[in-house]
Amino acid sequence: MLTEPILYSFRRCPYAMRARMALLVSGTACEIREVMLRDKPAEMLAASPKGTVPVLVLADGSVIDESIDVMRWALARNDPEGWLAGDDAALIAANDGPFKHHLDRYKYPERHGSDPLAHRAEGTALLAALEARLANQPYLCGSRRTLADASIMPFVRQFAAVDHDWFAAQQLPALRGWLAAWIASPLFERTMVNRPQWRAGDPPVLLG
């Protein structure tokens, strides 16, 4: 029996980022194992054969291998900031579905045989809906950050990073301010700590 959950994670993966943020804000103690996606450890694949991160192995051996489920599990145990009050399933689904589709084809056109500028335009149109929300409130669901913000921010960050200068010139001032505040937050700094690749036999490293 494990004493603490084990999180298999990859620092730059937006799905893993949002899982780490929820685990951190909930105060969930867990071991973190930083993996390389081109060199996935057998232990992770045994827990979740689909081979994507994050993978959370609980103390009883059960496995949660969808990032949004990791977030909801952690926050159901402890939610000191009230993140679950902003569990806007439709908004998160729009991010994880249509926006992620266009993001991938904008960022990685060589993988998808896509027109990156066409997908950039489609992604920007979807971001306009977030801009409209943020024009009148500091966070997507009101006056405080919640699950919706943490779920969506890593993907907006990735979209913005493809071409910083172009993104800075778009009519998305509220969204840019929201993104900048998230990136500068102590929570995100803790989320993005650099760790060496985990190898079997390494001593445990706690997330935190």
C-alpha atoms as a PDB file:
ATOM      1  CA  MET A   1       0.000   0.000   0.000  1.00  0.00           C
ATOM      2  CA  LEU A   2       1.242   3.471  -0.866  1.00  0.00           C
ATOM      3  CA  THR A   3       1.303   6.086   1.860  1.00  0.00           C
ATOM      4  CA  GLU A   4       0.817   9.078  -0.471  1.00  0.00           C
ATOM      5  CA  PRO A   5      -0.604   9.373  -3.987  1.00  0.00           C
ATOM      6  CA  ILE A   6       1.928   9.381  -6.822  1.00  0.00           C
ATOM      7  CA  LEU A   7       1.585  11.901  -9.634  1.00  0.00           C
ATOM      8  CA  TYR A   8       3.257  11.190 -12.968  1.00  0.00           C
ATOM      9  CA  SER A   9       3.659  14.563 -14.628  1.00  0.00           C
ATOM     10  CA  PHE A  10       5.420  16.436 -17.417  1.00  0.00           C
ATOM     11  CA  ARG A  11       6.243  20.034 -16.588  1.00  0.00           C
ATOM     12  CA  ARG A  12       5.237  21.642 -19.902  1.00  0.00           C
ATOM     13  CA  CYS A  13       2.022  19.680 -20.510  1.00  0.00           C
ATOM     14  CA  PRO A  14      -1.006  21.951 -19.944  1.00  0.00           C
ATOM     15  CA  TYR A  15      -3.095  19.042 -18.680  1.00  0.00           C
ATOM     16  CA  ALA A  16      -0.434  18.198 -16.105  1.00  0.00           C
ATOM     17  CA  MET A  17      -0.104  21.885 -15.172  1.00  0.00           C
ATOM     18  CA  ARG A  18      -3.744  22.185 -14.226  1.00  0.00           C
ATOM     19  CA  ALA A  19      -3.669  18.960 -12.243  1.00  0.00           C
ATOM     20  CA  ARG A  20      -0.636  20.175 -10.302  1.00  0.00           C
ATOM     21  CA  MET A  21      -2.323  23.507  -9.578  1.00  0.00           C
ATOM     22  CA  ALA A  22      -5.384  21.808  -8.105  1.00  0.00           C
ATOM     23  CA  LEU A  23      -3.286  19.425  -6.032  1.00  0.00           C
ATOM     24  CA  LEU A  24      -1.233  22.329  -4.708  1.00  0.00           C
ATOM     25  CA  VAL A  25      -4.140  24.627  -3.915  1.00  0.00           C
ATOM     26  CA  SER A  26      -5.969  21.772  -2.182  1.00  0.00           C
ATOM     27  CA  GLY A  27      -2.926  21.006  -0.064  1.00  0.00           C
ATOM     28  CA  THR A  28      -2.869  17.392  -1.230  1.00  0.00           C
ATOM     29  CA  ALA A  29       0.375  15.679  -0.269  1.00  0.00           C
ATOM     30  CA  CYS A  30       1.677  13.547  -3.102  1.00  0.00           C
ATOM     31  CA  GLU A  31       4.883  12.267  -4.620  1.00  0.00           C
ATOM     32  CA  ILE A  32       5.644  13.782  -8.015  1.00  0.00           C
ATOM     33  CA  ARG A  33       7.472  11.882 -10.721  1.00  0.00           C
ATOM     34  CA  GLU A  34       8.609  14.029 -13.646  1.00  0.00           C
ATOM     35  CA  VAL A  35       8.590  11.973 -16.836  1.00  0.00           C
ATOM     36  CA  MET A  36       9.744  12.492 -20.398  1.00  0.00           C
ATOM     37  CA  LEU A  37       7.019  11.647 -22.873  1.00  0.00           C
ATOM     38  CA  ARG A  38       9.533  10.104 -25.273  1.00  0.00           C
ATOM     39  CA  ASP A  39      10.834   7.873 -22.451  1.00  0.00           C
ATOM     40  CA  LYS A  40       7.771   6.889 -20.435  1.00  0.00           C
ATOM     41  CA  PRO A  41       8.487   4.785 -17.364  1.00  0.00           C
ATOM     42  CA  ALA A  42       7.082   1.279 -17.193  1.00  0.00           C
ATOM     43  CA  GLU A  43       5.496   2.077 -13.837  1.00  0.00           C
ATOM     44  CA  MET A  44       3.394   4.840 -15.384  1.00  0.00           C
ATOM     45  CA  LEU A  45       2.343   2.699 -18.331  1.00  0.00           C
ATOM     46  CA  ALA A  46       1.379  -0.124 -15.984  1.00  0.00           C
ATOM     47  CA  ALA A  47      -0.882   2.283 -14.109  1.00  0.00           C
ATOM     48  CA  SER A  48      -2.319   3.906 -17.244  1.00  0.00           C
ATOM     49  CA  PRO A  49      -1.564   2.167 -20.548  1.00  0.00           C
ATOM     50  CA  LYS A  50      -2.772   5.140 -22.622  1.00  0.00           C
ATOM     51  CA  GLY A  51       0.536   6.797 -21.755  1.00  0.00           C
ATOM     52  CA  THR A  52      -0.554  10.395 -21.263  1.00  0.00           C
ATOM     53  CA  VAL A  53      -0.031  12.663 -18.277  1.00  0.00           C
ATOM     54  CA  PRO A  54      -1.131  13.356 -15.670  1.00  0.00           C
ATOM     55  CA  VAL A  55      -1.560   9.998 -13.968  1.00  0.00           C
ATOM     56  CA  LEU A  56      -2.429   9.986 -10.280  1.00  0.00           C
ATOM     57  CA  VAL A  57      -2.013   6.661  -8.479  1.00  0.00           C
ATOM     58  CA  LEU A  58      -3.889   6.753  -5.185  1.00  0.00           C
ATOM     59  CA  ALA A  59      -2.812   5.144  -1.948  1.00  0.00           C
ATOM     60  CA  ASP A  60      -5.209   2.233  -2.482  1.00  0.00           C
ATOM     61  CA  GLY A  61      -3.782   1.597  -5.958  1.00  0.00           C
ATOM     62  CA  SER A  62      -6.658   3.101  -7.915  1.00  0.00           C
ATOM     63  CA  VAL A  63      -5.780   5.416 -10.787  1.00  0.00           C
ATOM     64  CA  ILE A  64      -7.092   8.765 -12.037  1.00  0.00           C
ATOM     65  CA  ASP A  65      -5.671   9.557 -15.474  1.00  0.00           C
ATOM     66  CA  GLU A  66      -7.772  12.469 -16.724  1.00  0.00           C
ATOM     67  CA  SER A  67      -6.564  15.885 -15.593  1.00  0.00           C
ATOM     68  CA  ILE A  68      -9.999  17.354 -14.898  1.00  0.00           C
ATOM     69  CA  ASP A  69     -10.820  14.311 -12.784  1.00  0.00           C
ATOM     70  CA  VAL A  70      -7.589  14.766 -10.820  1.00  0.00           C
ATOM     71  CA  MET A  71      -8.593  18.367 -10.179  1.00  0.00           C
ATOM     72  CA  ARG A  72     -12.105  17.501  -9.047  1.00  0.00           C
ATOM     73  CA  TRP A  73     -10.828  14.660  -6.843  1.00  0.00           C
ATOM     74  CA  ALA A  74      -8.312  16.910  -5.091  1.00  0.00           C
ATOM     75  CA  LEU A  75     -10.786  19.743  -4.597  1.00  0.00           C
ATOM     76  CA  ALA A  76     -13.518  17.417  -3.348  1.00  0.00           C
ATOM     77  CA  ARG A  77     -11.131  16.482  -0.546  1.00  0.00           C
ATOM     78  CA  ASN A  78     -10.180  20.079   0.296  1.00  0.00           C
ATOM     79  CA  ASP A  79     -11.184  23.278  -1.484  1.00  0.00           C
ATOM     80  CA  PRO A  80      -9.912  26.210   0.600  1.00  0.00           C
ATOM     81  CA  GLU A  81     -10.417  28.803  -2.166  1.00  0.00           C
ATOM     82  CA  GLY A  82     -13.810  27.528  -3.298  1.00  0.00           C
ATOM     83  CA  TRP A  83     -12.625  26.493  -6.756  1.00  0.00           C
ATOM     84  CA  LEU A  84     -15.472  24.041  -7.273  1.00  0.00           C
ATOM     85  CA  ALA A  85     -17.926  26.952  -7.251  1.00  0.00           C
ATOM     86  CA  GLY A  86     -16.480  27.758 -10.682  1.00  0.00           C
ATOM     87  CA  ASP A  87     -16.705  24.276 -12.170  1.00  0.00           C
ATOM     88  CA  ASP A  88     -18.234  25.573 -15.413  1.00  0.00           C
ATOM     89  CA  ALA A  89     -18.410  22.309 -17.326  1.00  0.00           C
ATOM     90  CA  ALA A  90     -19.518  23.904 -20.612  1.00  0.00           C
ATOM     91  CA  LEU A  91     -16.707  26.469 -20.578  1.00  0.00           C
ATOM     92  CA  ILE A  92     -14.095  23.823 -19.772  1.00  0.00           C
ATOM     93  CA  ALA A  93     -15.481  21.534 -22.499  1.00  0.00           C
ATOM     94  CA  ALA A  94     -15.203  24.363 -25.053  1.00  0.00           C
ATOM     95  CA  ASN A  95     -11.551  24.732 -24.091  1.00  0.00           C
ATOM     96  CA  ASP A  96     -10.751  21.027 -24.060  1.00  0.00           C
ATOM     97  CA  GLY A  97     -12.604  20.400 -27.306  1.00  0.00           C
ATOM     98  CA  PRO A  98     -12.779  23.129 -29.979  1.00  0.00           C
ATOM     99  CA  PHE A  99     -10.067  25.414 -28.598  1.00  0.00           C
ATOM    100  CA  LYS A 100      -7.573  22.589 -28.060  1.00  0.00           C
ATOM    101  CA  HIS A 101      -8.308  21.364 -31.595  1.00  0.00           C
ATOM    102  CA  HIS A 102      -7.358  24.724 -33.094  1.00  0.00           C
ATOM    103  CA  LEU A 103      -4.446  25.236 -30.702  1.00  0.00           C
ATOM    104  CA  ASP A 104      -2.812  21.974 -31.768  1.00  0.00           C
ATOM    105  CA  ARG A 105      -3.203  22.783 -35.455  1.00  0.00           C
ATOM    106  CA  TYR A 106      -1.852  26.304 -34.965  1.00  0.00           C
ATOM    107  CA  LYS A 107       1.115  25.241 -32.837  1.00  0.00           C
ATOM    108  CA  TYR A 108       1.970  22.016 -34.673  1.00  0.00           C
ATOM    109  CA  PRO A 109       0.909  22.442 -38.326  1.00  0.00           C
ATOM    110  CA  GLU A 110       3.569  19.986 -39.509  1.00  0.00           C
ATOM    111  CA  ARG A 111       1.970  17.227 -37.431  1.00  0.00           C
ATOM    112  CA  HIS A 112      -1.531  17.891 -38.671  1.00  0.00           C
ATOM    113  CA  GLY A 113      -0.987  19.110 -42.223  1.00  0.00           C
ATOM    114  CA  SER A 114      -2.943  22.194 -41.233  1.00  0.00           C
ATOM    115  CA  ASP A 115      -3.063  25.874 -42.135  1.00  0.00           C
ATOM    116  CA  PRO A 116      -1.779  27.466 -38.904  1.00  0.00           C
ATOM    117  CA  LEU A 117      -3.156  30.929 -39.633  1.00  0.00           C
ATOM    118  CA  ALA A 118      -6.650  29.589 -40.232  1.00  0.00           C
ATOM    119  CA  HIS A 119      -6.577  27.728 -36.932  1.00  0.00           C
ATOM    120  CA  ARG A 120      -5.084  30.751 -35.176  1.00  0.00           C
ATOM    121  CA  ALA A 121      -8.059  32.787 -36.356  1.00  0.00           C
ATOM    122  CA  GLU A 122     -10.523  30.163 -35.135  1.00  0.00           C
ATOM    123  CA  GLY A 123      -8.765  29.940 -31.774  1.00  0.00           C
ATOM    124  CA  THR A 124      -8.780  33.719 -31.416  1.00  0.00           C
ATOM    125  CA  ALA A 125     -12.516  33.799 -32.070  1.00  0.00           C
ATOM    126  CA  LEU A 126     -13.008  31.377 -29.182  1.00  0.00           C
ATOM    127  CA  LEU A 127     -10.782  33.503 -26.946  1.00  0.00           C
ATOM    128  CA  ALA A 128     -13.055  36.455 -27.662  1.00  0.00           C
ATOM    129  CA  ALA A 129     -15.713  34.747 -25.524  1.00  0.00           C
ATOM    130  CA  LEU A 130     -13.265  34.669 -22.603  1.00  0.00           C
ATOM    131  CA  GLU A 131     -12.374  38.323 -23.233  1.00  0.00           C
ATOM    132  CA  ALA A 132     -16.058  39.224 -23.006  1.00  0.00           C
ATOM    133  CA  ARG A 133     -16.348  37.519 -19.630  1.00  0.00           C
ATOM    134  CA  LEU A 134     -13.186  39.113 -18.293  1.00  0.00           C
ATOM    135  CA  ALA A 135     -14.106  42.602 -19.461  1.00  0.00           C
ATOM    136  CA  ASN A 136     -16.470  42.927 -16.493  1.00  0.00           C
ATOM    137  CA  GLN A 137     -14.914  40.683 -13.856  1.00  0.00           C
ATOM    138  CA  PRO A 138     -11.371  39.641 -12.891  1.00  0.00           C
ATOM    139  CA  TYR A 139     -11.904  35.906 -13.340  1.00  0.00           C
ATOM    140  CA  LEU A 140     -13.949  33.713 -15.631  1.00  0.00           C
ATOM    141  CA  CYS A 141     -16.631  32.940 -13.056  1.00  0.00           C
ATOM    142  CA  GLY A 142     -16.595  36.105 -10.988  1.00  0.00           C
ATOM    143  CA  SER A 143     -14.449  37.888  -8.458  1.00  0.00           C
ATOM    144  CA  ARG A 144     -12.055  35.047  -7.591  1.00  0.00           C
ATOM    145  CA  ARG A 145     -10.082  32.375  -9.372  1.00  0.00           C
ATOM    146  CA  THR A 146     -11.766  28.998  -9.645  1.00  0.00           C
ATOM    147  CA  LEU A 147     -11.553  25.641 -11.363  1.00  0.00           C
ATOM    148  CA  ALA A 148     -12.538  27.149 -14.711  1.00  0.00           C
ATOM    149  CA  ASP A 149      -9.620  29.607 -14.670  1.00  0.00           C
ATOM    150  CA  ALA A 150      -7.079  26.980 -13.651  1.00  0.00           C
ATOM    151  CA  SER A 151      -8.422  24.500 -16.213  1.00  0.00           C
ATOM    152  CA  ILE A 152      -8.228  26.912 -19.140  1.00  0.00           C
ATOM    153  CA  MET A 153      -5.213  29.114 -18.381  1.00  0.00           C
ATOM    154  CA  PRO A 154      -2.465  26.622 -19.369  1.00  0.00           C
ATOM    155  CA  PHE A 155      -3.956  26.324 -22.859  1.00  0.00           C
ATOM    156  CA  VAL A 156      -4.305  30.086 -23.325  1.00  0.00           C
ATOM    157  CA  ARG A 157      -0.683  30.393 -22.180  1.00  0.00           C
ATOM    158  CA  GLN A 158       0.372  27.872 -24.827  1.00  0.00           C
ATOM    159  CA  PHE A 159      -1.593  29.677 -27.532  1.00  0.00           C
ATOM    160  CA  ALA A 160      -0.052  33.030 -26.588  1.00  0.00           C
ATOM    161  CA  ALA A 161       3.461  31.577 -26.589  1.00  0.00           C
ATOM    162  CA  VAL A 162       3.360  30.497 -30.241  1.00  0.00           C
ATOM    163  CA  ASP A 163       3.830  34.130 -31.321  1.00  0.00           C
ATOM    164  CA  HIS A 164       4.135  36.522 -28.389  1.00  0.00           C
ATOM    165  CA  ASP A 165       4.266  39.681 -30.505  1.00  0.00           C
ATOM    166  CA  TRP A 166       1.200  38.758 -32.527  1.00  0.00           C
ATOM    167  CA  PHE A 167      -0.779  37.859 -29.398  1.00  0.00           C
ATOM    168  CA  ALA A 168       0.202  41.119 -27.714  1.00  0.00           C
ATOM    169  CA  ALA A 169      -1.291  43.057 -30.621  1.00  0.00           C
ATOM    170  CA  GLN A 170      -4.728  41.424 -30.460  1.00  0.00           C
ATOM    171  CA  GLN A 171      -7.809  43.119 -29.012  1.00  0.00           C
ATOM    172  CA  LEU A 172      -7.748  40.888 -25.930  1.00  0.00           C
ATOM    173  CA  PRO A 173      -6.573  43.236 -23.153  1.00  0.00           C
ATOM    174  CA  ALA A 174      -8.566  41.684 -20.329  1.00  0.00           C
ATOM    175  CA  LEU A 175      -7.498  38.180 -21.317  1.00  0.00           C
ATOM    176  CA  ARG A 176      -3.841  39.228 -21.484  1.00  0.00           C
ATOM    177  CA  GLY A 177      -4.068  40.805 -18.034  1.00  0.00           C
ATOM    178  CA  TRP A 178      -5.732  37.674 -16.625  1.00  0.00           C
ATOM    179  CA  LEU A 179      -3.070  35.471 -18.174  1.00  0.00           C
ATOM    180  CA  ALA A 180      -0.212  37.644 -16.921  1.00  0.00           C
ATOM    181  CA  ALA A 181      -1.619  37.627 -13.391  1.00  0.00           C
ATOM    182  CA  TRP A 182      -1.861  33.846 -13.418  1.00  0.00           C
ATOM    183  CA  ILE A 183       1.665  33.395 -14.729  1.00  0.00           C
ATOM    184  CA  ALA A 184       3.038  35.760 -12.069  1.00  0.00           C
ATOM    185  CA  SER A 185       1.121  34.108  -9.231  1.00  0.00           C
ATOM    186  CA  PRO A 186       2.954  32.225  -6.464  1.00  0.00           C
ATOM    187  CA  LEU A 187       0.735  29.212  -7.178  1.00  0.00           C
ATOM    188  CA  PHE A 188       1.870  29.014 -10.788  1.00  0.00           C
ATOM    189  CA  GLU A 189       5.505  29.485  -9.790  1.00  0.00           C
ATOM    190  CA  ARG A 190       5.166  26.471  -7.491  1.00  0.00           C
ATOM    191  CA  THR A 191       3.408  24.560 -10.250  1.00  0.00           C
ATOM    192  CA  MET A 192       6.281  25.115 -12.688  1.00  0.00           C
ATOM    193  CA  VAL A 193       9.254  24.092 -10.535  1.00  0.00           C
ATOM    194  CA  ASN A 194      11.885  22.306 -12.632  1.00  0.00           C
ATOM    195  CA  ARG A 195      12.569  18.732 -11.584  1.00  0.00           C
ATOM    196  CA  PRO A 196      14.869  16.087 -13.032  1.00  0.00           C
ATOM    197  CA  GLN A 197      13.448  13.125 -14.879  1.00  0.00           C
ATOM    198  CA  TRP A 198      12.280  10.434 -12.481  1.00  0.00           C
ATOM    199  CA  ARG A 199      13.966   7.045 -12.568  1.00  0.00           C
ATOM    200  CA  ALA A 200      12.962   3.896 -10.711  1.00  0.00           C
ATOM    201  CA  GLY A 201      14.799   3.812  -7.420  1.00  0.00           C
ATOM    202  CA  ASP A 202      14.985   7.582  -7.018  1.00  0.00           C
ATOM    203  CA  PRO A 203      14.040   8.879  -3.560  1.00  0.00           C
ATOM    204  CA  PRO A 204      10.522  10.318  -3.357  1.00  0.00           C
ATOM    205  CA  VAL A 205      10.035  14.006  -4.154  1.00  0.00           C
ATOM    206  CA  LEU A 206       6.926  15.703  -2.831  1.00  0.00           C
ATOM    207  CA  LEU A 207       4.882  18.139  -4.853  1.00  0.00           C
ATOM    208  CA  GLY A 208       5.036  21.499  -3.187  1.00  0.00           C
END
